[in-house]
Amino acid sequence: MHAFDVLGDPVRRRILELLAAGEQPSGAVAAVIRKEFGISQPAVSQHLKVLREAGFASVRADGARRLYAVEPAPLREVDAWLDRFRGFWEQRLDALGTELARGKRERRIAAERRPSTGARPPDGRRSEEDERRAASGGP
């Protein structure tokens, strides 16, 4: 089964999310999946089997329990495939970062130009509170 066929199923993606937190007993995985997706325990077992056979998960026995874990190799292959497309969204994210920084700078400059809310002392100096606010970059 192709990696994207495996990852195309929301139940299997959710199982991988659970396993990403660390090794999990099959019973704990099944309990979460049954609650979230309303499927039977045998159906969850079938999804675990697909993940195992596709190399996305491994299993080991611990007494009577079966512990599942994520196998990173197939995810690296997916990441490598996605790498050729990453430029499409990274440029946009970089542009978003630039716009956020520009907006933050403009708000800071506008705040510095605004008169303080408190009255200044007769000698025209800033109050201690205004000095602290200006030093911290706040409004």
Foldseek 3Di string as FASTA:
>chain_A
DDPCVLVVDPLLVVLQVVQVVDKDWLVVSLVVSCVVPVDDSVVSVVNVVVCVVVQQWDWDDDDPTIIIHGDCVSVVVVVVVCVVVVVVVVVVVVVVVVVVVVVLVVVLVVVVPDDDPDDDPPVPDHDPVVVVCVVVSHD
